[in-house]
Protein backbone atom coordinates (compact mmCIF):
# COMPACT_ATOMS: atom_id res chain seq x y z
CA MET A 1 60.58 -70.83 27.31
CA GLN A 2 57.39 -68.79 27.50
CA ASN A 3 55.96 -67.03 30.53
CA PRO A 4 55.20 -69.67 33.22
CA LYS A 5 52.15 -67.72 34.44
CA GLY A 6 50.64 -67.71 30.95
CA SER A 7 51.44 -71.39 30.64
CA ALA A 8 49.82 -72.12 33.99
CA HIS A 9 46.54 -70.58 32.76
CA LEU A 10 46.80 -72.56 29.53
CA PHE A 11 47.39 -75.85 31.35
CA ALA A 12 44.63 -75.05 33.84
CA ALA A 13 42.25 -74.64 30.91
CA LEU A 14 43.48 -77.93 29.45
CA GLY A 15 43.16 -79.67 32.81
CA ASP A 16 39.44 -80.30 32.56
CA GLU A 17 37.86 -83.40 31.03
CA THR A 18 35.01 -81.51 29.37
CA ARG A 19 37.38 -78.93 27.86
CA LEU A 20 39.66 -81.64 26.52
CA ARG A 21 36.65 -83.26 24.87
CA LEU A 22 35.68 -79.91 23.33
CA ILE A 23 39.21 -79.43 22.02
CA ALA A 24 39.15 -82.90 20.48
CA GLN A 25 35.83 -82.09 18.79
CA LEU A 26 37.14 -78.79 17.45
CA CYS A 27 40.35 -80.44 16.22
CA GLY A 28 38.44 -82.94 14.19
CA GLY A 29 35.43 -80.99 13.06
CA GLY A 30 36.43 -77.41 12.42
CA PRO A 31 34.33 -74.48 13.66
CA MET A 32 31.21 -75.57 15.55
CA SER A 33 28.24 -74.00 17.28
CA ILE A 34 27.46 -74.65 20.93
CA SER A 35 24.47 -76.71 19.78
CA ARG A 36 26.73 -78.98 17.79
CA LEU A 37 29.29 -79.19 20.59
CA THR A 38 26.61 -80.36 23.05
CA GLU A 39 25.20 -83.09 20.76
CA GLY A 40 25.46 -86.49 22.42
CA SER A 41 26.63 -84.96 25.69
CA LYS A 42 24.94 -84.72 29.05
CA VAL A 43 26.55 -81.32 29.56
CA THR A 44 24.21 -78.34 29.20
CA ARG A 45 24.63 -75.60 26.62
CA GLN A 46 25.27 -73.14 29.46
CA ALA A 47 28.06 -75.32 30.85
CA ILE A 48 29.62 -75.71 27.41
CA ALA A 49 29.46 -71.93 26.93
CA LYS A 50 31.21 -71.44 30.27
CA HIS A 51 33.98 -73.87 29.32
CA LEU A 52 34.41 -72.16 25.95
CA ARG A 53 34.75 -68.77 27.65
CA VAL A 54 37.44 -70.15 29.95
CA MET A 55 39.34 -71.48 26.95
CA GLU A 56 38.76 -68.24 25.05
CA GLY A 57 40.41 -66.39 27.94
CA THR A 58 43.61 -68.37 27.36
CA GLY A 59 43.47 -68.02 23.59
CA LEU A 60 42.71 -71.70 22.97
CA VAL A 61 39.48 -70.97 21.13
CA ARG A 62 37.79 -68.01 19.52
CA SER A 63 34.31 -67.39 18.26
CA LYS A 64 32.91 -65.73 15.19
CA ARG A 65 29.31 -64.72 14.66
CA HIS A 66 27.58 -66.57 11.86
CA GLY A 67 24.01 -65.36 11.60
CA ARG A 68 22.34 -65.89 14.95
CA GLU A 69 24.98 -68.34 16.18
CA SER A 70 28.56 -68.14 17.27
CA LEU A 71 30.90 -70.63 15.70
CA TRP A 72 33.80 -71.70 17.90
CA GLN A 73 37.14 -72.76 16.55
CA LEU A 74 40.42 -73.90 17.98
CA ASP A 75 43.55 -71.76 17.82
CA ARG A 76 46.13 -74.45 17.16
CA ARG A 77 48.97 -72.05 17.98
CA ARG A 78 48.06 -72.25 21.67
CA LEU A 79 48.24 -76.05 21.57
CA GLU A 80 51.63 -75.66 19.94
CA ASP A 81 52.62 -73.32 22.81
CA ALA A 82 51.69 -76.06 25.30
CA ARG A 83 53.66 -78.65 23.36
CA CYS A 84 56.72 -76.40 23.19
CA TYR A 85 56.54 -75.73 26.92
CA LEU A 86 56.34 -79.47 27.66
CA ASP A 87 59.25 -80.11 25.27
CA ALA A 88 61.35 -77.52 27.11
CA ILE A 89 60.56 -79.10 30.48
CA SER A 90 61.34 -82.53 29.06
CA LYS A 91 64.72 -81.30 27.81
CA GLN A 92 65.51 -79.86 31.24
CA TRP A 93 64.77 -83.24 32.84
CA ASP A 94 66.85 -85.07 30.22
CA ASP A 95 69.77 -82.71 30.87
CA ALA A 96 69.44 -83.15 34.64
CA LEU A 97 69.36 -86.94 34.33
CA LEU A 98 72.41 -86.86 32.07
CA ARG A 99 74.31 -84.77 34.63
CA LEU A 100 73.27 -87.20 37.37
CA LEU A 101 74.41 -90.16 35.29
CA LYS A 102 77.81 -88.55 34.67
CA PHE A 103 78.13 -87.74 38.37
CA VAL A 104 77.32 -91.33 39.39
CA GLU A 105 79.68 -92.80 36.80
CA ASP A 106 82.60 -90.56 37.92
């Protein structure tokens, strides 16, 4: 299992409604500018930029300059890290429940 502290920062970044919406947008639409990410949202460009920087700090997203704009894209490996961490925790719970079941049955 990976470093719990690194995972805590990753899950903290994922634990925000606006950030989850941004991740969903980036999953479905590829690299996007802040302008495009704010379309149809009541969240300001400045707030979106702040959320993107938080996610960038955990490696969830990265930006690349394209002319005068920055295009943001998702790093799917970090989502895979989160999934693997949750799978490991799930396996630990399954193992613990199996031990409890065996204990109760004996």
